[in-house]
Protein backbone atom coordinates (compact mmCIF):
# COMPACT_ATOMS: atom_id res chain seq x y z
CA MET A 1 0.05 0.00 0.03
CA SER A 2 3.18 2.29 0.17
CA ASN A 3 2.35 3.67 -3.36
CA SER A 4 -0.96 5.04 -2.43
CA ILE A 5 -0.53 6.86 0.91
CA GLY A 6 0.99 10.21 1.75
CA THR A 7 2.49 11.17 5.08
CA MET A 8 -0.12 11.80 7.97
CA ALA A 9 2.32 12.82 10.52
CA GLY A 10 0.63 15.08 13.10
CA LYS A 11 -2.88 14.54 11.52
CA VAL A 12 -6.14 13.50 13.38
CA ALA A 13 -8.41 11.05 11.60
CA VAL A 14 -11.95 10.23 12.74
CA ILE A 15 -13.05 6.83 11.23
CA THR A 16 -15.89 4.66 11.60
CA GLY A 17 -15.89 0.91 10.86
CA ALA A 18 -12.40 0.41 11.87
CA THR A 19 -12.69 -2.76 13.85
CA SER A 20 -12.66 -5.09 10.99
CA GLY A 21 -12.27 -5.33 7.25
CA ILE A 22 -11.00 -2.42 4.96
CA GLY A 23 -11.71 -0.03 7.81
CA GLN A 24 -9.09 -1.87 10.07
CA VAL A 25 -6.46 -2.17 7.36
CA ALA A 26 -6.95 1.38 6.45
CA ALA A 27 -6.62 2.59 10.03
CA GLU A 28 -3.37 0.68 10.41
CA ALA A 29 -1.98 2.09 7.29
CA LEU A 30 -2.89 5.69 8.59
CA VAL A 31 -1.20 5.07 11.92
CA ARG A 32 1.88 3.63 10.28
CA SER A 33 2.07 7.03 8.22
CA GLY A 34 1.89 9.08 11.49
CA ALA A 35 -1.85 9.71 12.05
CA ARG A 36 -3.56 9.77 15.42
CA LEU A 37 -6.97 8.02 15.07
CA VAL A 38 -10.35 8.71 16.86
CA LEU A 39 -12.46 5.43 16.43
CA VAL A 40 -16.08 5.29 16.41
CA ALA A 41 -17.30 1.73 17.19
CA ARG A 42 -20.32 -0.26 18.46
CA ASP A 43 -18.50 -3.17 20.10
CA ARG A 44 -16.19 -2.20 22.91
CA ARG A 45 -14.16 -5.58 22.88
CA ARG A 46 -13.47 -5.22 19.15
CA ALA A 47 -12.56 -1.63 19.49
CA GLU A 48 -10.13 -2.28 22.37
CA ARG A 49 -8.55 -5.07 20.06
CA THR A 50 -8.12 -2.68 17.41
CA LEU A 51 -6.56 -0.11 19.67
CA ALA A 52 -4.19 -2.71 20.90
CA ARG A 53 -3.10 -3.31 17.34
CA LEU A 54 -2.66 0.38 16.83
CA ALA A 55 -0.69 0.84 19.92
CA ALA A 56 1.84 -1.97 18.67
CA ILE A 57 2.33 -0.38 15.39
CA ALA A 58 2.88 3.16 16.92
CA PRO A 59 3.71 3.08 20.70
CA GLY A 60 3.22 6.12 22.52
CA THR A 61 0.38 7.59 20.32
CA ARG A 62 -2.97 7.85 22.36
CA HIS A 63 -5.66 7.16 19.96
CA GLY A 64 -9.40 8.01 20.89
CA LEU A 65 -12.41 5.69 21.24
CA HIS A 66 -16.08 6.68 21.16
CA LEU A 67 -18.82 3.93 21.35
CA ALA A 68 -22.10 4.53 19.55
CA ASP A 69 -24.98 2.53 17.70
CA LEU A 70 -24.60 4.52 14.26
CA SER A 71 -28.22 3.32 13.30
CA ARG A 72 -29.62 5.69 16.00
CA MET A 73 -29.54 9.56 15.11
CA GLY A 74 -29.37 10.42 18.85
CA GLU A 75 -26.23 8.34 19.31
CA VAL A 76 -24.53 9.83 16.33
CA ARG A 77 -25.26 13.36 17.39
CA ARG A 78 -23.99 12.47 20.87
CA VAL A 79 -20.87 11.08 19.63
CA ALA A 80 -20.20 13.83 17.11
CA GLY A 81 -20.60 16.37 19.97
CA GLU A 82 -18.16 14.44 22.34
CA ILE A 83 -15.55 14.26 19.52
CA ALA A 84 -16.00 17.95 18.65
CA ALA A 85 -15.41 18.74 22.28
CA ALA A 86 -12.47 16.57 22.79
CA GLU A 87 -10.68 17.25 19.46
CA PRO A 88 -9.10 20.76 18.85
CA ARG A 89 -8.58 19.75 15.05
CA ILE A 90 -9.74 17.09 12.73
CA ASP A 91 -8.00 16.62 9.46
CA LEU A 92 -9.87 13.55 8.18
CA LEU A 93 -13.17 11.99 8.42
CA ILE A 94 -13.66 8.66 7.14
CA ASN A 95 -17.34 7.43 7.09
CA ASN A 96 -16.80 3.75 6.41
CA ALA A 97 -19.23 1.78 8.75
CA GLY A 98 -22.02 0.00 6.85
CA ALA A 99 -24.44 -2.88 7.08
CA LEU A 100 -27.16 -4.88 5.28
CA PHE A 101 -30.21 -6.48 6.77
CA GLY A 102 -32.07 -9.30 5.21
CA ARG A 103 -35.19 -8.47 7.03
CA ARG A 104 -36.67 -4.98 7.42
CA GLU A 105 -36.07 -3.41 10.76
CA VAL A 106 -37.09 -0.03 12.14
CA THR A 107 -34.99 1.89 14.62
CA GLN A 108 -36.45 3.53 17.84
CA GLU A 109 -36.62 6.71 15.82
CA GLY A 110 -38.71 5.33 13.00
CA LEU A 111 -36.04 4.84 10.32
CA GLU A 112 -35.41 1.97 8.26
CA ARG A 113 -32.16 0.43 9.79
CA THR A 114 -30.11 0.12 6.56
CA PHE A 115 -30.86 3.77 5.52
CA ALA A 116 -30.23 5.00 9.06
CA THR A 117 -27.05 3.20 9.45
CA ASN A 118 -25.56 3.57 5.83
CA HIS A 119 -26.78 7.09 5.02
CA MET A 120 -28.10 8.98 7.91
CA ALA A 121 -25.06 8.29 10.00
CA TYR A 122 -22.68 9.51 7.36
CA PHE A 123 -24.78 12.75 6.99
CA LEU A 124 -25.11 13.36 10.80
CA LEU A 125 -21.53 12.66 11.84
CA THR A 126 -20.16 14.75 9.02
CA GLU A 127 -22.53 17.75 9.91
CA GLY A 128 -21.54 17.32 13.48
CA LEU A 129 -17.86 17.61 12.84
CA ARG A 130 -18.21 20.14 10.03
CA GLU A 131 -16.81 23.10 11.93
CA ARG A 132 -13.99 21.06 13.28
CA LEU A 133 -13.07 20.15 9.84
CA LEU A 134 -13.48 23.79 8.51
CA GLN A 135 -11.23 25.07 11.34
CA SER A 136 -8.64 22.55 10.39
CA ALA A 137 -8.61 23.05 6.64
CA PRO A 138 -7.17 21.62 4.44
CA ALA A 139 -9.21 18.58 5.57
CA ARG A 140 -10.76 15.59 3.78
CA ILE A 141 -13.87 13.56 3.98
CA VAL A 142 -14.01 10.16 2.63
CA ASN A 143 -17.25 8.07 2.19
CA THR A 144 -17.31 4.40 1.53
CA ALA A 145 -19.86 3.77 -1.29
CA SER A 146 -20.31 0.79 -3.65
CA GLU A 147 -20.81 -0.13 -7.23
CA ALA A 148 -24.07 -1.66 -6.05
CA HIS A 149 -25.34 1.90 -6.44
CA ARG A 150 -25.65 1.21 -10.12
CA ARG A 151 -28.65 -1.16 -9.46
CA ALA A 152 -30.63 1.60 -7.51
CA GLY A 153 -32.80 4.64 -7.80
CA LEU A 154 -34.14 6.58 -5.04
CA ASP A 155 -37.72 6.76 -4.49
CA PHE A 156 -38.35 9.90 -2.41
CA SER A 157 -41.99 8.96 -1.62
CA ASP A 158 -40.72 5.70 0.21
CA LEU A 159 -37.02 6.37 1.63
CA GLN A 160 -37.85 4.14 4.38
CA SER A 161 -38.76 1.21 2.11
CA THR A 162 -42.18 0.56 3.67
CA ARG A 163 -44.00 -0.75 0.56
CA ARG A 164 -41.61 -3.31 -0.58
CA TYR A 165 -38.37 -4.61 1.24
CA SER A 166 -35.40 -6.34 -0.42
CA GLY A 167 -32.26 -6.33 1.81
CA PHE A 168 -29.94 -6.11 -1.12
CA ARG A 169 -32.15 -3.57 -3.07
CA VAL A 170 -32.25 -1.38 0.01
CA TYR A 171 -28.58 -1.59 0.55
CA CYS A 172 -27.97 -0.63 -3.22
CA ARG A 173 -30.00 2.56 -2.51
CA SER A 174 -28.01 3.49 0.54
CA LYS A 175 -24.88 3.28 -1.48
CA LEU A 176 -26.58 5.50 -4.19
CA ALA A 177 -27.36 7.84 -1.28
CA ASN A 178 -23.70 7.93 -0.24
CA ILE A 179 -22.74 9.12 -3.69
CA LEU A 180 -25.48 11.79 -3.81
CA HIS A 181 -24.53 13.13 -0.33
CA THR A 182 -20.90 13.21 -1.13
CA ARG A 183 -21.72 15.18 -4.55
CA GLU A 184 -23.96 17.85 -2.72
CA LEU A 185 -21.55 18.00 0.24
CA ALA A 186 -18.56 18.73 -2.00
CA ARG A 187 -20.69 21.46 -3.76
CA ARG A 188 -21.51 22.94 -0.35
CA LEU A 189 -17.76 22.84 0.85
CA ALA A 190 -16.40 24.34 -2.36
CA GLY A 191 -13.76 27.00 -1.57
CA THR A 192 -13.30 26.13 2.05
CA GLY A 193 -10.30 23.84 1.86
CA VAL A 194 -12.51 20.62 2.88
CA SER A 195 -12.94 18.07 0.24
CA ALA A 196 -15.29 15.36 -0.04
CA ASN A 197 -15.05 12.21 -2.07
CA CYS A 198 -16.31 8.53 -2.07
CA LEU A 199 -15.23 5.23 -3.25
CA HIS A 200 -16.08 1.65 -4.35
CA PRO A 201 -13.71 -0.65 -2.44
CA GLY A 202 -14.36 -3.69 -4.55
CA PHE A 203 -16.22 -6.83 -3.28
CA VAL A 204 -14.18 -7.61 -0.41
CA ALA A 205 -14.02 -10.60 2.24
CA THR A 206 -14.94 -8.95 5.40
CA ARG A 207 -17.66 -9.51 8.18
CA PHE A 208 -19.92 -7.51 6.10
CA GLY A 209 -23.27 -9.30 5.51
CA ASP A 210 -22.57 -12.22 7.89
CA ARG A 211 -25.34 -11.20 10.06
CA SER A 212 -27.77 -9.95 7.58
CA GLY A 213 -30.50 -12.54 7.99
CA GLY A 214 -32.78 -14.23 5.45
CA LEU A 215 -31.32 -15.98 2.41
CA PHE A 216 -28.82 -13.25 1.74
CA GLY A 217 -26.58 -14.26 4.73
CA PRO A 218 -25.51 -17.72 3.27
CA LEU A 219 -25.19 -16.35 -0.29
CA ILE A 220 -22.79 -13.66 0.52
CA ARG A 221 -20.71 -15.90 2.47
CA ILE A 222 -20.52 -18.12 -0.65
CA ALA A 223 -19.76 -15.16 -2.93
CA LYS A 224 -16.88 -14.05 -0.50
CA LEU A 225 -14.87 -17.33 -1.55
CA GLY A 226 -13.76 -15.28 -4.68
CA ALA A 227 -13.58 -11.69 -3.07
CA LEU A 228 -10.71 -9.38 -2.79
CA SER A 229 -8.78 -9.21 0.51
CA PRO A 230 -9.19 -6.40 2.86
CA ALA A 231 -5.71 -5.16 2.05
CA GLU A 232 -6.78 -4.93 -1.72
CA GLY A 233 -10.02 -3.23 -0.69
CA ALA A 234 -8.65 -0.53 1.53
CA ARG A 235 -6.08 0.68 -0.95
CA THR A 236 -8.42 3.36 -2.53
CA LEU A 237 -9.85 4.33 1.02
CA VAL A 238 -6.14 5.20 1.96
CA TYR A 239 -5.49 6.84 -1.23
CA LEU A 240 -8.22 9.27 -0.79
CA ALA A 241 -7.45 9.84 2.94
CA SER A 242 -3.84 10.72 2.36
CA ALA A 243 -2.39 10.92 -1.27
CA PRO A 244 -1.15 14.22 -2.25
CA GLU A 245 -2.36 13.96 -5.87
CA VAL A 246 -5.90 14.10 -4.76
CA ALA A 247 -5.47 16.93 -2.32
CA ASP A 248 -7.55 19.28 -4.55
CA ALA A 249 -10.15 16.64 -5.86
CA SER A 250 -13.65 16.87 -4.42
CA GLY A 251 -17.04 15.41 -5.36
CA GLY A 252 -15.48 12.36 -7.05
CA TYR A 253 -16.27 8.77 -6.97
CA PHE A 254 -13.19 6.56 -7.02
CA HIS A 255 -12.31 2.90 -7.72
CA LEU A 256 -8.78 1.38 -8.01
CA CYS A 257 -7.33 4.73 -7.06
CA ARG A 258 -8.89 6.49 -10.24
CA GLN A 259 -11.76 8.69 -10.44
CA ILE A 260 -14.74 6.91 -12.51
CA GLU A 261 -18.23 8.01 -13.56
CA PRO A 262 -20.96 6.64 -11.36
CA SER A 263 -24.30 5.92 -12.56
CA PRO A 264 -26.70 8.69 -14.02
CA ALA A 265 -28.87 8.65 -11.10
CA ALA A 266 -25.78 9.18 -8.81
CA ARG A 267 -24.97 12.29 -11.04
CA ASP A 268 -28.29 13.80 -10.58
CA ASP A 269 -27.64 17.15 -8.76
CA GLU A 270 -31.41 17.71 -8.19
CA ALA A 271 -31.74 14.35 -6.46
CA ALA A 272 -28.63 15.16 -4.38
CA ARG A 273 -29.90 18.49 -3.20
CA ARG A 274 -33.49 16.76 -2.47
CA LEU A 275 -31.73 13.94 -0.36
CA TRP A 276 -29.95 16.62 1.55
CA THR A 277 -33.16 18.33 2.33
CA GLU A 278 -34.88 15.17 3.39
CA SER A 279 -32.04 14.12 5.57
CA GLU A 280 -32.21 17.60 7.55
CA ARG A 281 -35.99 16.95 7.67
CA LEU A 282 -35.55 13.42 9.21
CA ALA A 283 -32.95 14.54 11.43
CA GLY A 284 -34.97 17.61 12.67
CA MET A 285 -32.49 20.14 11.55
CA ALA A 286 -33.05 23.67 10.14
CA GLY A 287 -32.37 24.17 6.40
CA SER A 288 -28.66 25.05 5.54
């Protein structure tokens, strides 16, 4: 991965989904390059094991840990506030945590759980840390999306998938939402010194989907037999987080460390603006 990472000495990076898979590999690569990490995780034991690995890589660096269930907006708001209060600067935010649920589940706040975890958590954590990122510019935001977005369109009359539910279809829609969010975020951050990009890591053999339930869980475990390694999948994530050659890039969708065109639905600026407005409404935020 040495050909895709720039120095991160003295930089602070907030990352979700770093206790396994591509997030864990990316976290370790960033620490080797000098970064101090702030982890957002759901499972304390896995998070503490990750912190122990990071400490072995760079002894003496005190990384941060905040626990939260990213499917709950209240938890995301809380953890964003805690991080903003604890960290004088944030140079990098990586929204990487994601999930797929074979059966429809609704959070206590009334959101379909895939949409809540894969989109609203990205949206709310980014907004909660926006001021710190702006104050630390130049800074970067990197969102993990997926080529699965090409199978999807957004139905703004049913963002919570109440009429018909398919775990994979809803996951595809959430990845489309990640790209649209990145696109609108980049537009709003233009000229601030804070960039926003997203990526497709490839189909990677990680813990993703193992507990999705329904028929999809066994199918995804079989499919992983031919999947990329987490190290291969993390390459583009680390590239966007650190490489000097993309310091000025923003609003892009990347795969294999190259910018590529997403689907026509993912290039719809009106849909990107509408998704932003709907996300604010669902979060109870005033329009911005």
